[in-house]
C-alpha atoms as a PDB file:
ATOM      1  CA  MET A   1     -76.253   6.447   0.472  1.00  0.00           C
ATOM      2  CA  SER A   2     -74.385  10.330   1.056  1.00  0.00           C
ATOM      3  CA  SER A   3     -74.445  13.068  -1.415  1.00  0.00           C
ATOM      4  CA  ASP A   4     -70.886  12.568  -1.877  1.00  0.00           C
ATOM      5  CA  GLN A   5     -71.023   8.923  -2.991  1.00  0.00           C
ATOM      6  CA  THR A   6     -71.813   7.862  -6.586  1.00  0.00           C
ATOM      7  CA  GLN A   7     -72.680   4.795  -8.174  1.00  0.00           C
ATOM      8  CA  HIS A   8     -71.091   3.585 -11.227  1.00  0.00           C
ATOM      9  CA  PRO A   9     -72.346   0.166 -12.569  1.00  0.00           C
ATOM     10  CA  GLU A  10     -70.297   0.162 -15.423  1.00  0.00           C
ATOM     11  CA  ASN A  11     -67.081   0.735 -13.234  1.00  0.00           C
ATOM     12  CA  GLN A  12     -66.799  -2.159 -10.863  1.00  0.00           C
ATOM     13  CA  CYS A  13     -64.145  -2.221  -8.221  1.00  0.00           C
ATOM     14  CA  ASP A  14     -61.642  -4.401  -9.339  1.00  0.00           C
ATOM     15  CA  LEU A  15     -61.171  -5.913  -5.324  1.00  0.00           C
ATOM     16  CA  CYS A  16     -64.813  -6.364  -4.223  1.00  0.00           C
ATOM     17  CA  GLY A  17     -67.145  -5.786  -7.584  1.00  0.00           C
ATOM     18  CA  GLY A  18     -68.822  -2.944  -5.693  1.00  0.00           C
ATOM     19  CA  SER A  19     -70.180   0.626  -7.896  1.00  0.00           C
ATOM     20  CA  SER A  20     -70.515   2.586  -4.743  1.00  0.00           C
ATOM     21  CA  PHE A  21     -67.573   4.765  -5.238  1.00  0.00           C
ATOM     22  CA  GLU A  22     -66.684   8.151  -3.107  1.00  0.00           C
ATOM     23  CA  GLU A  23     -64.263  10.877  -4.839  1.00  0.00           C
ATOM     24  CA  ILE A  24     -61.337  11.572  -2.638  1.00  0.00           C
ATOM     25  CA  GLY A  25     -59.323  13.621  -5.218  1.00  0.00           C
ATOM     26  CA  ASN A  26     -59.430  15.511  -8.241  1.00  0.00           C
ATOM     27  CA  ARG A  27     -55.853  16.817  -8.886  1.00  0.00           C
ATOM     28  CA  ASP A  28     -52.783  14.848  -9.595  1.00  0.00           C
ATOM     29  CA  ARG A  29     -49.037  15.445  -7.729  1.00  0.00           C
ATOM     30  CA  HIS A  30     -48.729  18.367 -10.384  1.00  0.00           C
ATOM     31  CA  GLY A  31     -52.165  19.657 -10.084  1.00  0.00           C
ATOM     32  CA  LYS A  32     -53.457  18.270 -13.346  1.00  0.00           C
ATOM     33  CA  GLU A  33     -57.019  17.274 -13.617  1.00  0.00           C
ATOM     34  CA  LEU A  34     -57.310  13.558 -12.279  1.00  0.00           C
ATOM     35  CA  HIS A  35     -60.295  11.676 -10.511  1.00  0.00           C
ATOM     36  CA  THR A  36     -59.638   9.125  -8.008  1.00  0.00           C
ATOM     37  CA  GLY A  37     -62.250   7.571  -5.715  1.00  0.00           C
ATOM     38  CA  ILE A  38     -62.306   5.427  -3.106  1.00  0.00           C
ATOM     39  CA  CYS A  39     -64.598   1.924  -3.084  1.00  0.00           C
ATOM     40  CA  SER A  40     -67.468   2.653  -0.133  1.00  0.00           C
ATOM     41  CA  SER A  41     -67.575  -1.679   0.059  1.00  0.00           C
ATOM     42  CA  CYS A  42     -64.128  -2.215   0.743  1.00  0.00           C
ATOM     43  CA  GLY A  43     -61.707   0.462   0.977  1.00  0.00           C
ATOM     44  CA  LEU A  44     -59.657   0.107  -2.577  1.00  0.00           C
ATOM     45  CA  VAL A  45     -58.536   3.257  -3.717  1.00  0.00           C
ATOM     46  CA  ALA A  46     -58.488   3.844  -7.846  1.00  0.00           C
ATOM     47  CA  HIS A  47     -58.624   6.110 -10.671  1.00  0.00           C
ATOM     48  CA  MET A  48     -62.233   7.180 -12.018  1.00  0.00           C
ATOM     49  CA  PRO A  49     -62.278   5.680 -14.525  1.00  0.00           C
ATOM     50  CA  VAL A  50     -59.706   3.175 -14.435  1.00  0.00           C
ATOM     51  CA  PRO A  51     -57.713   3.250 -18.192  1.00  0.00           C
ATOM     52  CA  SER A  52     -57.946   0.371 -20.138  1.00  0.00           C
ATOM     53  CA  GLU A  53     -55.163  -2.409 -20.768  1.00  0.00           C
ATOM     54  CA  GLU A  54     -54.804  -1.015 -24.112  1.00  0.00           C
ATOM     55  CA  GLU A  55     -54.127   2.751 -22.496  1.00  0.00           C
ATOM     56  CA  VAL A  56     -52.049   1.520 -19.961  1.00  0.00           C
ATOM     57  CA  SER A  57     -49.594  -0.826 -22.403  1.00  0.00           C
ATOM     58  CA  ALA A  58     -49.463   2.105 -24.857  1.00  0.00           C
ATOM     59  CA  TYR A  59     -48.264   4.265 -21.762  1.00  0.00           C
ATOM     60  CA  TYR A  60     -46.028   1.924 -19.989  1.00  0.00           C
ATOM     61  CA  ALA A  61     -44.020   1.340 -23.623  1.00  0.00           C
ATOM     62  CA  GLU A  62     -43.208   5.066 -24.394  1.00  0.00           C
ATOM     63  CA  GLN A  63     -43.835   7.272 -22.223  1.00  0.00           C
ATOM     64  CA  TYR A  64     -43.464   6.355 -18.379  1.00  0.00           C
ATOM     65  CA  ARG A  65     -40.031   6.176 -17.727  1.00  0.00           C
ATOM     66  CA  ARG A  66     -39.632   9.768 -19.202  1.00  0.00           C
ATOM     67  CA  ASP A  67     -42.915  11.039 -17.123  1.00  0.00           C
ATOM     68  CA  TYR A  68     -42.127   9.353 -14.098  1.00  0.00           C
ATOM     69  CA  HIS A  69     -38.244   9.420 -13.607  1.00  0.00           C
ATOM     70  CA  GLY A  70     -37.494  12.567 -16.097  1.00  0.00           C
ATOM     71  CA  GLU A  71     -34.841  10.178 -18.289  1.00  0.00           C
ATOM     72  CA  SER A  72     -34.712   7.586 -20.886  1.00  0.00           C
ATOM     73  CA  THR A  73     -31.512   6.361 -19.949  1.00  0.00           C
ATOM     74  CA  PRO A  74     -30.695   5.408 -16.418  1.00  0.00           C
ATOM     75  CA  SER A  75     -28.320   7.878 -14.372  1.00  0.00           C
ATOM     76  CA  THR A  76     -25.752   6.546 -12.201  1.00  0.00           C
ATOM     77  CA  ARG A  77     -27.767   7.551  -9.176  1.00  0.00           C
ATOM     78  CA  ARG A  78     -30.741   5.327 -10.217  1.00  0.00           C
ATOM     79  CA  ILE A  79     -28.359   2.066 -11.326  1.00  0.00           C
ATOM     80  CA  MET A  80     -26.557   2.737  -7.837  1.00  0.00           C
ATOM     81  CA  ARG A  81     -30.107   2.803  -5.897  1.00  0.00           C
ATOM     82  CA  ALA A  82     -31.914   0.244  -7.870  1.00  0.00           C
ATOM     83  CA  TRP A  83     -28.650  -2.424  -7.359  1.00  0.00           C
ATOM     84  CA  ARG A  84     -29.037  -1.584  -3.553  1.00  0.00           C
ATOM     85  CA  ASN A  85     -33.069  -2.299  -3.596  1.00  0.00           C
ATOM     86  CA  GLY A  86     -32.199  -4.944  -5.405  1.00  0.00           C
ATOM     87  CA  ASP A  87     -29.786  -6.142  -2.581  1.00  0.00           C
ATOM     88  CA  ARG A  88     -32.134  -5.540   0.068  1.00  0.00           C
ATOM     89  CA  ILE A  89     -34.871  -7.613  -1.502  1.00  0.00           C
ATOM     90  CA  LEU A  90     -32.449 -10.257  -1.919  1.00  0.00           C
ATOM     91  CA  LYS A  91     -31.134 -10.181   1.677  1.00  0.00           C
ATOM     92  CA  GLN A  92     -34.927 -10.327   2.529  1.00  0.00           C
ATOM     93  CA  LEU A  93     -35.675 -13.706   0.546  1.00  0.00           C
ATOM     94  CA  PHE A  94     -32.105 -15.436   0.730  1.00  0.00           C
ATOM     95  CA  SER A  95     -32.892 -17.689   3.555  1.00  0.00           C
ATOM     96  CA  ARG A  96     -36.371 -19.144   2.193  1.00  0.00           C
ATOM     97  CA  LEU A  97     -35.397 -19.930  -0.888  1.00  0.00           C
ATOM     98  CA  ASP A  98     -33.645 -22.809  -2.169  1.00  0.00           C
ATOM     99  CA  LYS A  99     -31.001 -21.998  -4.520  1.00  0.00           C
ATOM    100  CA  LYS A 100     -32.392 -24.031  -7.550  1.00  0.00           C
ATOM    101  CA  ALA A 101     -35.669 -21.664  -7.429  1.00  0.00           C
ATOM    102  CA  ARG A 102     -36.477 -19.960 -10.734  1.00  0.00           C
ATOM    103  CA  VAL A 103     -36.900 -16.431  -9.984  1.00  0.00           C
ATOM    104  CA  PHE A 104     -38.833 -14.007 -12.289  1.00  0.00           C
ATOM    105  CA  GLU A 105     -39.392 -10.134 -12.011  1.00  0.00           C
ATOM    106  CA  ILE A 106     -42.466  -8.551 -13.600  1.00  0.00           C
ATOM    107  CA  GLY A 107     -41.650  -4.897 -14.138  1.00  0.00           C
ATOM    108  CA  ALA A 108     -38.072  -5.295 -14.191  1.00  0.00           C
ATOM    109  CA  GLY A 109     -36.844  -2.007 -15.073  1.00  0.00           C
ATOM    110  CA  ILE A 110     -33.213  -1.729 -14.881  1.00  0.00           C
ATOM    111  CA  GLY A 111     -33.054  -5.266 -14.495  1.00  0.00           C
ATOM    112  CA  CYS A 112     -30.922  -4.566 -11.120  1.00  0.00           C
ATOM    113  CA  THR A 113     -32.661  -7.042  -9.135  1.00  0.00           C
ATOM    114  CA  VAL A 114     -32.699  -9.729 -11.453  1.00  0.00           C
ATOM    115  CA  LYS A 115     -28.989  -9.667 -11.787  1.00  0.00           C
ATOM    116  CA  SER A 116     -28.824  -9.515  -7.867  1.00  0.00           C
ATOM    117  CA  PHE A 117     -30.664 -13.275  -7.941  1.00  0.00           C
ATOM    118  CA  GLU A 118     -28.743 -14.285 -10.981  1.00  0.00           C
ATOM    119  CA  LEU A 119     -24.721 -13.123  -9.201  1.00  0.00           C
ATOM    120  CA  GLN A 120     -25.905 -15.281  -6.163  1.00  0.00           C
ATOM    121  CA  GLY A 121     -26.771 -18.618  -8.264  1.00  0.00           C
ATOM    122  CA  PHE A 122     -30.604 -18.151  -8.672  1.00  0.00           C
ATOM    123  CA  ASP A 123     -32.089 -18.744 -12.198  1.00  0.00           C
ATOM    124  CA  ALA A 124     -33.234 -15.335 -12.565  1.00  0.00           C
ATOM    125  CA  SER A 125     -34.895 -13.728 -15.499  1.00  0.00           C
ATOM    126  CA  GLY A 126     -37.662 -11.111 -16.165  1.00  0.00           C
ATOM    127  CA  ILE A 127     -39.838  -8.281 -18.113  1.00  0.00           C
ATOM    128  CA  GLU A 128     -39.864  -4.652 -18.713  1.00  0.00           C
ATOM    129  CA  PRO A 129     -42.726  -3.571 -21.250  1.00  0.00           C
ATOM    130  CA  ASN A 130     -40.660  -0.002 -21.192  1.00  0.00           C
ATOM    131  CA  LYS A 131     -38.262   0.081 -23.837  1.00  0.00           C
ATOM    132  CA  ASP A 132     -35.967   3.000 -22.468  1.00  0.00           C
ATOM    133  CA  PHE A 133     -33.869   0.706 -20.431  1.00  0.00           C
ATOM    134  CA  ASN A 134     -33.575  -2.325 -22.617  1.00  0.00           C
ATOM    135  CA  ALA A 135     -30.489  -1.494 -24.273  1.00  0.00           C
ATOM    136  CA  PHE A 136     -28.618  -0.450 -21.135  1.00  0.00           C
ATOM    137  CA  THR A 137     -30.079  -3.764 -19.414  1.00  0.00           C
ATOM    138  CA  ARG A 138     -29.183  -5.644 -22.239  1.00  0.00           C
ATOM    139  CA  GLU A 139     -25.588  -4.456 -23.225  1.00  0.00           C
ATOM    140  CA  GLN A 140     -24.414  -2.900 -19.694  1.00  0.00           C
ATOM    141  CA  LEU A 141     -25.942  -4.869 -16.894  1.00  0.00           C
ATOM    142  CA  HIS A 142     -26.223  -8.533 -19.199  1.00  0.00           C
ATOM    143  CA  ALA A 143     -29.449  -9.385 -16.802  1.00  0.00           C
ATOM    144  CA  SER A 144     -31.994 -11.878 -18.727  1.00  0.00           C
ATOM    145  CA  VAL A 145     -35.099  -9.778 -19.199  1.00  0.00           C
ATOM    146  CA  GLU A 146     -37.407  -9.279 -21.973  1.00  0.00           C
ATOM    147  CA  ASN A 147     -39.356  -6.208 -23.439  1.00  0.00           C
ATOM    148  CA  ARG A 148     -42.746  -8.132 -22.772  1.00  0.00           C
ATOM    149  CA  ASN A 149     -45.751  -7.680 -20.875  1.00  0.00           C
ATOM    150  CA  LEU A 150     -47.682 -10.103 -18.027  1.00  0.00           C
ATOM    151  CA  TYR A 151     -49.925 -11.336 -20.569  1.00  0.00           C
ATOM    152  CA  ASP A 152     -47.867 -12.726 -23.328  1.00  0.00           C
ATOM    153  CA  LEU A 153     -46.611 -15.527 -21.064  1.00  0.00           C
ATOM    154  CA  PRO A 154     -48.537 -18.687 -21.119  1.00  0.00           C
ATOM    155  CA  ALA A 155     -50.719 -19.360 -18.172  1.00  0.00           C
ATOM    156  CA  GLU A 156     -48.144 -22.445 -17.022  1.00  0.00           C
ATOM    157  CA  PRO A 157     -46.759 -23.589 -13.847  1.00  0.00           C
ATOM    158  CA  THR A 158     -43.098 -22.091 -14.582  1.00  0.00           C
ATOM    159  CA  TYR A 159     -41.612 -20.564 -11.876  1.00  0.00           C
ATOM    160  CA  ASP A 160     -41.032 -20.839  -7.839  1.00  0.00           C
ATOM    161  CA  VAL A 161     -40.717 -17.133  -7.038  1.00  0.00           C
ATOM    162  CA  VAL A 162     -42.427 -14.233  -8.407  1.00  0.00           C
ATOM    163  CA  LEU A 163     -41.378 -10.526  -7.660  1.00  0.00           C
ATOM    164  CA  LEU A 164     -43.581  -7.314  -8.097  1.00  0.00           C
ATOM    165  CA  ILE A 165     -41.844  -4.554  -6.959  1.00  0.00           C
ATOM    166  CA  HIS A 166     -43.829  -1.380  -7.408  1.00  0.00           C
ATOM    167  CA  VAL A 167     -45.795  -2.507  -9.992  1.00  0.00           C
ATOM    168  CA  ILE A 168     -48.847  -4.148  -8.741  1.00  0.00           C
ATOM    169  CA  GLU A 169     -50.529  -0.555  -8.549  1.00  0.00           C
ATOM    170  CA  HIS A 170     -49.832   0.239 -12.288  1.00  0.00           C
ATOM    171  CA  PHE A 171     -52.219  -2.486 -13.838  1.00  0.00           C
ATOM    172  CA  SER A 172     -55.579  -1.948 -15.531  1.00  0.00           C
ATOM    173  CA  SER A 173     -56.519  -4.669 -13.056  1.00  0.00           C
ATOM    174  CA  PRO A 174     -54.659  -6.078 -10.285  1.00  0.00           C
ATOM    175  CA  THR A 175     -57.246  -9.077  -9.915  1.00  0.00           C
ATOM    176  CA  ARG A 176     -56.340  -9.946 -13.468  1.00  0.00           C
ATOM    177  CA  ALA A 177     -52.743  -9.664 -13.132  1.00  0.00           C
ATOM    178  CA  LEU A 178     -52.427 -12.059  -9.727  1.00  0.00           C
ATOM    179  CA  ASN A 179     -54.726 -14.460 -11.232  1.00  0.00           C
ATOM    180  CA  HIS A 180     -52.169 -14.669 -14.018  1.00  0.00           C
ATOM    181  CA  ILE A 181     -49.278 -14.695 -11.764  1.00  0.00           C
ATOM    182  CA  HIS A 182     -50.996 -17.725  -9.851  1.00  0.00           C
ATOM    183  CA  SER A 183     -50.971 -19.447 -13.135  1.00  0.00           C
ATOM    184  CA  LEU A 184     -47.128 -18.967 -13.608  1.00  0.00           C
ATOM    185  CA  LEU A 185     -46.329 -20.066 -10.330  1.00  0.00           C
ATOM    186  CA  ASN A 186     -45.014 -23.705  -9.408  1.00  0.00           C
ATOM    187  CA  GLU A 187     -46.860 -25.563  -6.394  1.00  0.00           C
ATOM    188  CA  ASP A 188     -45.767 -23.709  -3.202  1.00  0.00           C
ATOM    189  CA  GLY A 189     -44.340 -20.826  -5.141  1.00  0.00           C
ATOM    190  CA  TYR A 190     -44.057 -17.546  -3.588  1.00  0.00           C
ATOM    191  CA  PHE A 191     -45.339 -14.070  -4.649  1.00  0.00           C
ATOM    192  CA  TYR A 192     -43.377 -11.356  -3.100  1.00  0.00           C
ATOM    193  CA  VAL A 193     -45.067  -7.665  -3.872  1.00  0.00           C
ATOM    194  CA  GLU A 194     -44.036  -4.080  -2.632  1.00  0.00           C
ATOM    195  CA  CYS A 195     -45.965  -0.998  -3.513  1.00  0.00           C
ATOM    196  CA  PRO A 196     -46.724   2.198  -2.018  1.00  0.00           C
ATOM    197  CA  ASN A 197     -49.176   2.258   1.476  1.00  0.00           C
ATOM    198  CA  ILE A 198     -51.301   4.638   1.235  1.00  0.00           C
ATOM    199  CA  ALA A 199     -52.476   4.472   4.841  1.00  0.00           C
ATOM    200  CA  GLY A 200     -48.734   5.605   5.770  1.00  0.00           C
ATOM    201  CA  PRO A 201     -49.440   7.720   3.887  1.00  0.00           C
ATOM    202  CA  PHE A 202     -46.465   7.960   1.750  1.00  0.00           C
ATOM    203  CA  ALA A 203     -47.211  11.716   0.754  1.00  0.00           C
ATOM    204  CA  THR A 204     -48.761  14.769   1.900  1.00  0.00           C
ATOM    205  CA  TYR A 205     -52.535  14.561   0.403  1.00  0.00           C
ATOM    206  CA  ASP A 206     -51.979  16.781  -2.392  1.00  0.00           C
ATOM    207  CA  ARG A 207     -49.232  14.725  -3.652  1.00  0.00           C
ATOM    208  CA  LEU A 208     -50.528  11.306  -3.518  1.00  0.00           C
ATOM    209  CA  PHE A 209     -52.152  10.885  -6.416  1.00  0.00           C
ATOM    210  CA  HIS A 210     -50.702  10.504 -10.199  1.00  0.00           C
ATOM    211  CA  TYR A 211     -51.466   9.138 -13.290  1.00  0.00           C
ATOM    212  CA  ALA A 212     -49.059   6.156 -13.015  1.00  0.00           C
ATOM    213  CA  HIS A 213     -50.690   4.782 -10.247  1.00  0.00           C
ATOM    214  CA  ILE A 214     -53.631   3.680 -10.947  1.00  0.00           C
ATOM    215  CA  TYR A 215     -54.483   1.824  -7.768  1.00  0.00           C
ATOM    216  CA  ASN A 216     -53.542   2.681  -3.761  1.00  0.00           C
ATOM    217  CA  PHE A 217     -53.341   0.178  -1.036  1.00  0.00           C
ATOM    218  CA  THR A 218     -53.278  -0.359   2.495  1.00  0.00           C
ATOM    219  CA  PRO A 219     -52.087  -3.515   4.356  1.00  0.00           C
ATOM    220  CA  ALA A 220     -55.577  -4.639   4.371  1.00  0.00           C
ATOM    221  CA  THR A 221     -56.303  -4.179   0.538  1.00  0.00           C
ATOM    222  CA  LEU A 222     -53.752  -5.841  -0.677  1.00  0.00           C
ATOM    223  CA  ILE A 223     -53.999  -9.224   1.849  1.00  0.00           C
ATOM    224  CA  ALA A 224     -57.651  -9.573   0.591  1.00  0.00           C
ATOM    225  CA  LEU A 225     -56.630  -9.335  -3.057  1.00  0.00           C
ATOM    226  CA  ALA A 226     -54.067 -11.607  -2.704  1.00  0.00           C
ATOM    227  CA  LYS A 227     -56.383 -13.849  -0.816  1.00  0.00           C
ATOM    228  CA  LYS A 228     -58.934 -13.589  -3.609  1.00  0.00           C
ATOM    229  CA  CYS A 229     -56.576 -14.633  -6.203  1.00  0.00           C
ATOM    230  CA  GLY A 230     -55.512 -17.723  -4.045  1.00  0.00           C
ATOM    231  CA  PHE A 231     -52.475 -16.524  -2.145  1.00  0.00           C
ATOM    232  CA  GLU A 232     -51.714 -16.559   1.477  1.00  0.00           C
ATOM    233  CA  LEU A 233     -49.596 -14.332   3.807  1.00  0.00           C
ATOM    234  CA  VAL A 234     -46.087 -15.662   4.612  1.00  0.00           C
ATOM    235  CA  SER A 235     -44.248 -12.652   5.911  1.00  0.00           C
ATOM    236  CA  GLN A 236     -45.389  -8.916   6.285  1.00  0.00           C
ATOM    237  CA  PHE A 237     -41.728  -6.925   6.049  1.00  0.00           C
ATOM    238  CA  THR A 238     -42.997  -3.753   6.982  1.00  0.00           C
ATOM    239  CA  ASP A 239     -45.516  -2.086   9.484  1.00  0.00           C
ATOM    240  CA  GLU A 240     -49.068  -0.720   8.998  1.00  0.00           C
ATOM    241  CA  SER A 241     -47.510   2.835   9.119  1.00  0.00           C
ATOM    242  CA  HIS A 242     -44.553   2.635   6.844  1.00  0.00           C
ATOM    243  CA  PRO A 243     -44.954   4.419   3.615  1.00  0.00           C
ATOM    244  CA  ASP A 244     -44.220   0.972   1.637  1.00  0.00           C
ATOM    245  CA  ILE A 245     -46.195  -2.275   1.996  1.00  0.00           C
ATOM    246  CA  ASN A 246     -43.072  -5.302   1.586  1.00  0.00           C
ATOM    247  CA  MET A 247     -45.059  -8.798   1.763  1.00  0.00           C
ATOM    248  CA  LEU A 248     -44.143 -12.100   0.805  1.00  0.00           C
ATOM    249  CA  PHE A 249     -47.096 -14.465  -0.216  1.00  0.00           C
ATOM    250  CA  ARG A 250     -47.439 -18.505  -0.989  1.00  0.00           C
ATOM    251  CA  LYS A 251     -49.333 -19.894  -3.675  1.00  0.00           C
ATOM    252  CA  VAL A 252     -52.394 -21.904  -2.111  1.00  0.00           C
ATOM    253  CA  GLU A 253     -55.631 -23.471  -4.240  1.00  0.00           C
ATOM    254  CA  ALA A 254     -57.891 -21.782  -2.009  1.00  0.00           C
ATOM    255  CA  LYS A 255     -59.351 -18.528  -3.201  1.00  0.00           C
ATOM    256  CA  ALA A 256     -61.793 -15.877  -0.941  1.00  0.00           C
ATOM    257  CA  LEU A 257     -62.858 -12.883  -0.931  1.00  0.00           C
ATOM    258  CA  GLU A 258     -62.840 -11.395   2.559  1.00  0.00           C
ATOM    259  CA  VAL A 259     -63.373  -7.306   2.802  1.00  0.00           C
ATOM    260  CA  SER A 260     -64.797  -5.008   5.395  1.00  0.00           C
ATOM    261  CA  SER A 261     -66.747  -2.175   4.988  1.00  0.00           C
ATOM    262  CA  ASP A 262     -65.180  -0.659   7.643  1.00  0.00           C
ATOM    263  CA  GLU A 263     -61.502  -0.113   5.783  1.00  0.00           C
ATOM    264  CA  ALA A 264     -62.944   2.693   3.369  1.00  0.00           C
ATOM    265  CA  ALA A 265     -63.571   5.227   6.529  1.00  0.00           C
ATOM    266  CA  ARG A 266     -59.902   3.782   8.400  1.00  0.00           C
ATOM    267  CA  THR A 267     -58.356   4.640   4.817  1.00  0.00           C
ATOM    268  CA  LYS A 268     -59.705   8.124   4.567  1.00  0.00           C
ATOM    269  CA  ALA A 269     -58.902   8.836   8.222  1.00  0.00           C
ATOM    270  CA  ALA A 270     -55.392   7.422   7.220  1.00  0.00           C
ATOM    271  CA  ILE A 271     -55.026   9.725   3.963  1.00  0.00           C
ATOM    272  CA  HIS A 272     -56.416  13.384   6.058  1.00  0.00           C
ATOM    273  CA  ARG A 273     -54.532  12.532   9.447  1.00  0.00           C
ATOM    274  CA  TYR A 274     -52.229  14.906   8.669  1.00  0.00           C
ATOM    275  CA  ASN A 275     -51.784  18.770   7.497  1.00  0.00           C
ATOM    276  CA  ALA A 276     -48.632  19.312   5.627  1.00  0.00           C
ATOM    277  CA  PHE A 277     -47.301  20.642   8.964  1.00  0.00           C
ATOM    278  CA  THR A 278     -48.048  18.029  11.035  1.00  0.00           C
ATOM    279  CA  TYR A 279     -46.510  15.322   8.312  1.00  0.00           C
ATOM    280  CA  HIS A 280     -43.436  17.238   7.955  1.00  0.00           C
ATOM    281  CA  LEU A 281     -42.474  17.787  11.576  1.00  0.00           C
ATOM    282  CA  ARG A 282     -42.998  13.685  12.378  1.00  0.00           C
ATOM    283  CA  PRO A 283     -39.956  12.255  14.019  1.00  0.00           C
ATOM    284  CA  ALA A 284     -40.512   9.148  11.526  1.00  0.00           C
ATOM    285  CA  TYR A 285     -40.710  12.003   8.388  1.00  0.00           C
ATOM    286  CA  ILE A 286     -37.711  13.723   9.679  1.00  0.00           C
ATOM    287  CA  ILE A 287     -35.078  10.395  10.008  1.00  0.00           C
ATOM    288  CA  ARG A 288     -36.530   9.225   6.608  1.00  0.00           C
ATOM    289  CA  ARG A 289     -35.464  12.515   5.284  1.00  0.00           C
ATOM    290  CA  ILE A 290     -32.186  12.404   6.916  1.00  0.00           C
ATOM    291  CA  ASN A 291     -31.597   9.167   6.064  1.00  0.00           C
ATOM    292  CA  LYS A 292     -32.575  10.038   2.310  1.00  0.00           C
ATOM    293  CA  ILE A 293     -30.551  13.160   1.925  1.00  0.00           C
ATOM    294  CA  LEU A 294     -27.273  11.312   2.927  1.00  0.00           C
ATOM    295  CA  SER A 295     -28.350   8.349   0.674  1.00  0.00           C
ATOM    296  CA  TYR A 296     -28.490  11.072  -2.131  1.00  0.00           C
ATOM    297  CA  LEU A 297     -25.088  12.687  -1.282  1.00  0.00           C
ATOM    298  CA  GLY A 298     -23.213   9.024  -1.154  1.00  0.00           C
ATOM    299  CA  GLU A 299     -24.998   8.968  -4.403  1.00  0.00           C
ATOM    300  CA  PHE A 300     -23.461  11.758  -5.741  1.00  0.00           C
ATOM    301  CA  LEU A 301     -20.370  11.228  -4.531  1.00  0.00           C
ATOM    302  CA  LEU A 302     -19.748   7.643  -4.826  1.00  0.00           C
ATOM    303  CA  ALA A 303     -22.300   6.353  -7.992  1.00  0.00           C
ATOM    304  CA  ARG A 304     -20.023   6.980 -11.038  1.00  0.00           C
ATOM    305  CA  VAL A 305     -17.254   4.650  -9.119  1.00  0.00           C
ATOM    306  CA  PHE A 306     -20.116   2.228  -7.811  1.00  0.00           C
ATOM    307  CA  VAL A 307     -21.933   1.876 -11.358  1.00  0.00           C
ATOM    308  CA  LYS A 308     -18.277   1.225 -13.117  1.00  0.00           C
ATOM    309  CA  GLY A 309     -17.241  -1.454 -10.797  1.00  0.00           C
ATOM    310  CA  MET A 310     -20.684  -2.798 -10.480  1.00  0.00           C
ATOM    311  CA  LEU A 311     -20.934  -3.570 -14.454  1.00  0.00           C
ATOM    312  CA  LYS A 312     -17.265  -4.754 -14.250  1.00  0.00           C
ATOM    313  CA  HIS A 313     -18.616  -7.427 -11.933  1.00  0.00           C
ATOM    314  CA  CYS A 314     -21.331  -8.213 -14.022  1.00  0.00           C
ATOM    315  CA  LYS A 315     -19.573  -8.863 -17.131  1.00  0.00           C
ATOM    316  CA  LYS A 316     -17.571 -12.016 -15.549  1.00  0.00           C
END
């Protein structure tokens, strides 16, 4: 074992159960102390130590939206962005779903994705642990989103599709979460997930880590986690270099742990592939930034009118 690796028998890797970790970060994106490690056996990246379920639940119930989004009531720009994102997800999945499918989103946020599916005739609902956006979701969006946690739901087959949009990285134990989701799905049900891709990477090294993202996945570690919990990959909507991972899985009965010890080296190489200069001069980054700036401009100019019309449509 190299000198920069440490045995942590009390902190087992959530993916492979290993206890050997290498610290790859000691600060978050704001310069505050935050220790991040990578499992030497499988390459999963996580906080050191991982916060408890109780700490995570308390943080997301009261503090997350204000820390991460800087607001307790959603702005019109955020609503417009969330609605368009929900529409994108609906279009990606629509052709695969029966119109009678029960769609359920865990960590539904504002509730726009739930509402998008509902307006297309699906039986759509969700849960959101944070309390800040609940009033807007219920009273204006009229989306069926309850203020509950995942583990409040009885472990019995209920849904045909479960959505997890930028949520899996927030769990204290993604393994426990996916096992519970497996129990919620009907036979051959779908599990759709989106999260940041640390191998993309989605930010420069000094901006990669922050408290809200307890885990950081690569496509390989996310697929390995899903297989371990009884899911087979159906579609991968983004490639290995994209800053986000978008994947669709199907529930199966077989569960298998398949990890590679080479993934840790590949992940570290990806994280350190660019410096600040080369990261920001990549054509792919420049194109994304231009598109994002144009999108922000559109939000600034149109969001108020867009949301007014959207809410009117939701009340019908």
